[in-house]
């Protein structure tokens, strides 16, 4: 993969992280019962009951972002036990 492609994917992943962070923060605000979550591909209304699934999606987006950043910056080393 070339650097420009990876950088574009990183930018998209960063936007997704911010999207989920904003949704969670809004739902944790007093008085807010629902939040319009527009991912660019889908639009859905989420409620306070959806916070746990939003947190899972946020964690996945953060992990994807970290993996992309590692690829862009030369990768990472995976160490395994010798036994």
C-alpha atoms as a PDB file:
ATOM      1  CA  UNK A   1       0.000   0.000   0.000  1.00  0.00           C
ATOM      2  CA  UNK A   2       1.304   3.414  -0.768  1.00  0.00           C
ATOM      3  CA  UNK A   3       1.521   6.230   1.765  1.00  0.00           C
ATOM      4  CA  UNK A   4      -1.205   8.378   0.198  1.00  0.00           C
ATOM      5  CA  UNK A   5      -3.714   5.508   0.322  1.00  0.00           C
ATOM      6  CA  UNK A   6      -2.888   4.766   3.958  1.00  0.00           C
ATOM      7  CA  UNK A   7      -3.111   8.444   4.870  1.00  0.00           C
ATOM      8  CA  UNK A   8      -6.567   8.659   3.271  1.00  0.00           C
ATOM      9  CA  UNK A   9      -7.691   5.606   5.280  1.00  0.00           C
ATOM     10  CA  UNK A  10      -6.255   7.133   8.459  1.00  0.00           C
ATOM     11  CA  UNK A  11      -8.179  10.349   7.850  1.00  0.00           C
ATOM     12  CA  UNK A  12     -11.405   8.373   7.355  1.00  0.00           C
ATOM     13  CA  UNK A  13     -10.739   6.292  10.491  1.00  0.00           C
ATOM     14  CA  UNK A  14     -10.085   9.443  12.532  1.00  0.00           C
ATOM     15  CA  UNK A  15     -13.410  10.876  11.380  1.00  0.00           C
ATOM     16  CA  UNK A  16     -15.171   7.668  12.426  1.00  0.00           C
ATOM     17  CA  UNK A  17     -13.569   7.784  15.885  1.00  0.00           C
ATOM     18  CA  UNK A  18     -14.735  11.375  16.325  1.00  0.00           C
ATOM     19  CA  UNK A  19     -18.222  10.444  15.119  1.00  0.00           C
ATOM     20  CA  UNK A  20     -18.640   7.735  17.756  1.00  0.00           C
ATOM     21  CA  UNK A  21     -17.050   9.865  20.485  1.00  0.00           C
ATOM     22  CA  UNK A  22     -19.479  12.691  19.721  1.00  0.00           C
ATOM     23  CA  UNK A  23     -22.472  10.346  19.757  1.00  0.00           C
ATOM     24  CA  UNK A  24     -21.489   8.844  23.113  1.00  0.00           C
ATOM     25  CA  UNK A  25     -20.777  12.259  24.636  1.00  0.00           C
ATOM     26  CA  UNK A  26     -24.109  13.643  23.428  1.00  0.00           C
ATOM     27  CA  UNK A  27     -26.051  10.684  24.817  1.00  0.00           C
ATOM     28  CA  UNK A  28     -24.344  11.042  28.194  1.00  0.00           C
ATOM     29  CA  UNK A  29     -25.562  14.644  28.400  1.00  0.00           C
ATOM     30  CA  UNK A  30     -28.591  15.200  30.604  1.00  0.00           C
ATOM     31  CA  UNK A  31     -31.772  15.784  28.657  1.00  0.00           C
ATOM     32  CA  UNK A  32     -30.585  14.139  25.426  1.00  0.00           C
ATOM     33  CA  UNK A  33     -32.654  11.052  24.663  1.00  0.00           C
ATOM     34  CA  UNK A  34     -31.553  10.309  21.106  1.00  0.00           C
ATOM     35  CA  UNK A  35     -28.797  11.287  18.697  1.00  0.00           C
ATOM     36  CA  UNK A  36     -28.657  11.251  14.905  1.00  0.00           C
ATOM     37  CA  UNK A  37     -25.644   9.158  13.869  1.00  0.00           C
ATOM     38  CA  UNK A  38     -24.681   9.854  10.251  1.00  0.00           C
ATOM     39  CA  UNK A  39     -21.747   7.690   9.160  1.00  0.00           C
ATOM     40  CA  UNK A  40     -21.846   8.937   5.587  1.00  0.00           C
ATOM     41  CA  UNK A  41     -23.210   5.570   4.459  1.00  0.00           C
ATOM     42  CA  UNK A  42     -26.104   5.227   6.875  1.00  0.00           C
ATOM     43  CA  UNK A  43     -28.154   7.506   9.079  1.00  0.00           C
ATOM     44  CA  UNK A  44     -29.666   6.152  12.252  1.00  0.00           C
ATOM     45  CA  UNK A  45     -31.032   7.422  15.504  1.00  0.00           C
ATOM     46  CA  UNK A  46     -29.330   6.016  18.588  1.00  0.00           C
ATOM     47  CA  UNK A  47     -30.500   6.252  22.183  1.00  0.00           C
ATOM     48  CA  UNK A  48     -28.980   5.906  25.627  1.00  0.00           C
ATOM     49  CA  UNK A  49     -29.683   2.166  25.372  1.00  0.00           C
ATOM     50  CA  UNK A  50     -27.211   2.016  22.462  1.00  0.00           C
ATOM     51  CA  UNK A  51     -24.231   3.434  24.386  1.00  0.00           C
ATOM     52  CA  UNK A  52     -22.667   0.004  25.004  1.00  0.00           C
ATOM     53  CA  UNK A  53     -22.758  -0.928  21.305  1.00  0.00           C
ATOM     54  CA  UNK A  54     -21.440   2.523  20.374  1.00  0.00           C
ATOM     55  CA  UNK A  55     -18.530   1.992  22.778  1.00  0.00           C
ATOM     56  CA  UNK A  56     -17.733  -1.326  21.080  1.00  0.00           C
ATOM     57  CA  UNK A  57     -17.805   0.373  17.678  1.00  0.00           C
ATOM     58  CA  UNK A  58     -15.588   3.159  19.011  1.00  0.00           C
ATOM     59  CA  UNK A  59     -13.070   0.613  20.309  1.00  0.00           C
ATOM     60  CA  UNK A  60     -13.033  -1.139  16.922  1.00  0.00           C
ATOM     61  CA  UNK A  61     -12.534   2.174  15.114  1.00  0.00           C
ATOM     62  CA  UNK A  62      -9.680   3.124  17.463  1.00  0.00           C
ATOM     63  CA  UNK A  63      -8.011  -0.259  16.922  1.00  0.00           C
ATOM     64  CA  UNK A  64      -8.337   0.106  13.161  1.00  0.00           C
ATOM     65  CA  UNK A  65      -6.853   3.588  13.354  1.00  0.00           C
ATOM     66  CA  UNK A  66      -3.916   2.312  15.422  1.00  0.00           C
ATOM     67  CA  UNK A  67      -3.280  -0.508  12.936  1.00  0.00           C
ATOM     68  CA  UNK A  68      -3.325   1.890   9.986  1.00  0.00           C
ATOM     69  CA  UNK A  69      -0.946   4.264  11.760  1.00  0.00           C
ATOM     70  CA  UNK A  70       1.406   1.346  12.462  1.00  0.00           C
ATOM     71  CA  UNK A  71       1.384   0.389   8.777  1.00  0.00           C
ATOM     72  CA  UNK A  72       2.100   3.954   7.751  1.00  0.00           C
ATOM     73  CA  UNK A  73       4.948   4.283  10.227  1.00  0.00           C
ATOM     74  CA  UNK A  74       6.722   1.056   9.363  1.00  0.00           C
ATOM     75  CA  UNK A  75       4.658  -1.610  11.027  1.00  0.00           C
ATOM     76  CA  UNK A  76       5.028  -3.312  14.338  1.00  0.00           C
ATOM     77  CA  UNK A  77       6.807  -6.339  15.731  1.00  0.00           C
ATOM     78  CA  UNK A  78       4.821  -9.309  16.960  1.00  0.00           C
ATOM     79  CA  UNK A  79       6.656 -11.282  19.641  1.00  0.00           C
ATOM     80  CA  UNK A  80       5.641 -14.829  20.465  1.00  0.00           C
ATOM     81  CA  UNK A  81       6.942 -17.126  23.164  1.00  0.00           C
ATOM     82  CA  UNK A  82       9.498 -19.687  22.076  1.00  0.00           C
ATOM     83  CA  UNK A  83       7.731 -22.624  23.678  1.00  0.00           C
END
